[in-house]
Protein backbone atom coordinates (compact mmCIF):
# COMPACT_ATOMS: atom_id res chain seq x y z
CA ALA A 1 103.50 130.97 82.84
CA ALA A 2 102.56 129.15 86.30
CA ARG A 3 100.18 127.38 84.60
CA LEU A 4 102.95 126.27 82.12
CA LEU A 5 105.08 125.39 84.80
CA VAL A 6 102.67 123.02 86.37
CA LEU A 7 101.51 121.92 83.12
CA ARG A 8 105.08 120.60 82.71
CA HIS A 9 105.90 119.45 86.13
CA ASP A 10 106.01 116.00 84.83
CA ASP A 11 108.93 116.75 82.84
CA PHE A 12 110.52 116.88 86.67
CA SER A 13 108.35 114.64 88.22
CA GLY A 14 109.32 111.68 86.10
CA PRO A 15 112.90 111.97 86.35
CA TYR A 16 112.74 112.09 90.18
CA TYR A 17 110.60 109.10 89.81
CA ALA A 18 112.65 107.30 87.72
CA LEU A 19 116.00 108.61 90.16
CA ARG A 20 113.93 106.77 93.13
CA ARG A 21 113.65 103.71 91.22
CA GLY A 22 117.49 103.55 90.12
CA GLU A 23 117.27 103.84 86.31
CA ALA A 24 120.22 104.26 84.46
CA GLY A 25 120.38 108.33 83.07
CA ALA A 26 117.78 109.43 85.70
CA GLY A 27 120.48 111.34 87.91
CA ALA A 28 121.30 113.06 84.53
CA ALA A 29 117.75 113.71 83.37
CA LEU A 30 117.07 115.57 87.11
CA ALA A 31 120.21 117.40 86.99
CA ARG A 32 118.81 118.89 83.21
CA GLU A 33 115.43 119.75 85.04
CA LEU A 34 117.06 120.94 88.02
CA ALA A 35 119.29 123.04 85.90
CA GLY A 36 116.14 124.54 84.22
CA LEU A 37 114.49 125.52 87.02
CA ASP A 38 117.76 127.45 87.64
CA GLY A 39 117.69 129.48 84.69
CA LEU A 40 114.02 130.64 85.76
CA LEU A 41 115.53 131.66 88.94
CA ALA A 42 118.36 133.55 87.29
CA CYS A 43 115.68 136.18 86.20
CA MET A 44 113.44 136.42 89.25
CA PRO A 45 113.52 135.51 92.86
CA TYR A 46 110.27 132.93 92.27
CA LEU A 47 109.27 130.60 89.21
CA THR A 48 106.93 132.89 88.06
CA GLY A 49 108.03 136.59 88.84
CA ALA A 50 108.42 138.72 91.56
CA SER A 51 105.87 136.62 94.43
CA PHE A 52 105.52 133.16 95.42
CA GLY A 53 103.24 131.37 93.64
CA LEU A 54 101.47 127.78 92.33
CA ALA A 55 104.47 127.08 90.44
CA ASP A 56 106.63 127.17 93.56
CA VAL A 57 104.31 125.29 95.69
CA ALA A 58 104.27 122.53 93.07
CA TYR A 59 108.14 121.88 92.90
CA VAL A 60 109.40 122.74 96.57
CA PRO A 61 108.20 119.39 97.60
CA TRP A 62 109.86 117.56 95.07
CA VAL A 63 113.13 119.82 95.26
CA LEU A 64 113.19 119.07 99.28
CA ARG A 65 112.91 115.18 98.70
CA ALA A 66 115.29 114.45 96.37
CA GLN A 67 117.63 116.47 98.20
CA ALA A 68 117.04 114.96 101.81
CA LEU A 69 115.68 111.44 100.79
CA MET A 70 117.83 110.61 97.58
CA GLY A 71 121.00 112.87 98.15
CA VAL A 72 120.87 115.21 95.11
CA SER A 73 123.04 118.09 95.34
CA LEU A 74 121.94 121.56 94.72
CA ASP A 75 125.80 122.65 94.46
CA PRO A 76 125.63 123.05 90.84
CA PHE A 77 122.11 125.00 91.21
CA SER A 78 122.81 127.93 92.88
CA ASN A 79 119.65 129.77 92.14
CA VAL A 80 117.51 126.85 92.71
CA ALA A 81 119.67 126.72 96.07
CA ALA A 82 118.96 130.15 97.23
CA TRP A 83 115.28 129.84 96.22
CA LEU A 84 114.65 126.98 98.90
CA LEU A 85 116.44 128.79 101.35
CA ASP A 86 114.38 131.53 100.63
CA LEU A 87 111.00 129.21 100.62
CA LEU A 88 111.80 127.73 103.77
CA GLU A 89 111.50 130.99 105.77
CA ARG A 90 107.78 130.40 104.87
CA PRO A 91 106.05 128.59 107.63
CA SER A 92 104.60 126.38 105.13
CA VAL A 93 107.59 125.28 103.27
CA ALA A 94 109.05 124.98 106.44
CA ALA A 95 106.53 122.69 107.67
CA GLU A 96 107.06 120.66 104.96
CA ALA A 97 110.74 120.16 104.71
CA ASP A 98 109.91 119.00 108.52
CA LEU A 99 107.68 116.39 107.34
CA VAL A 100 110.47 115.28 104.86
CA ALA A 101 112.53 115.09 107.67
CA GLY A 102 110.57 112.69 109.22
CA LEU A 103 110.74 110.44 106.05
CA ALA A 104 114.31 110.30 105.91
C-alpha cells in the first residue's frame, strides 16, 4: 500500500504545482487529491495503516506547504487535519513545519 501511494504521489504533486503556478482548476484538482487522502485516513490513523510510514513521510511536507504557503484550508478534510496534528507531535514533522514557517 505504501509503495502504491508513493507511486501515485505525482497525482498529488501535479495539482500542487499547478496551484502554485496559478493554473485554472488547480485548486479543485488538489482538493480532489486531499479528499482521497481524507478517505484513507477515515479508516486508519496513518496513510497505510496503524503506524507511521513512508507514505506519511512522502505526503506531509506537501500538505504542510499547501496549507502554509498557498492558503489551502484543511477544514473540508477533517481526517487530513487530524492526521497532520498528530504528525506534528513527531520531532521530524515539527522540524519540517518550522522550516515551512520560515518560508512563508
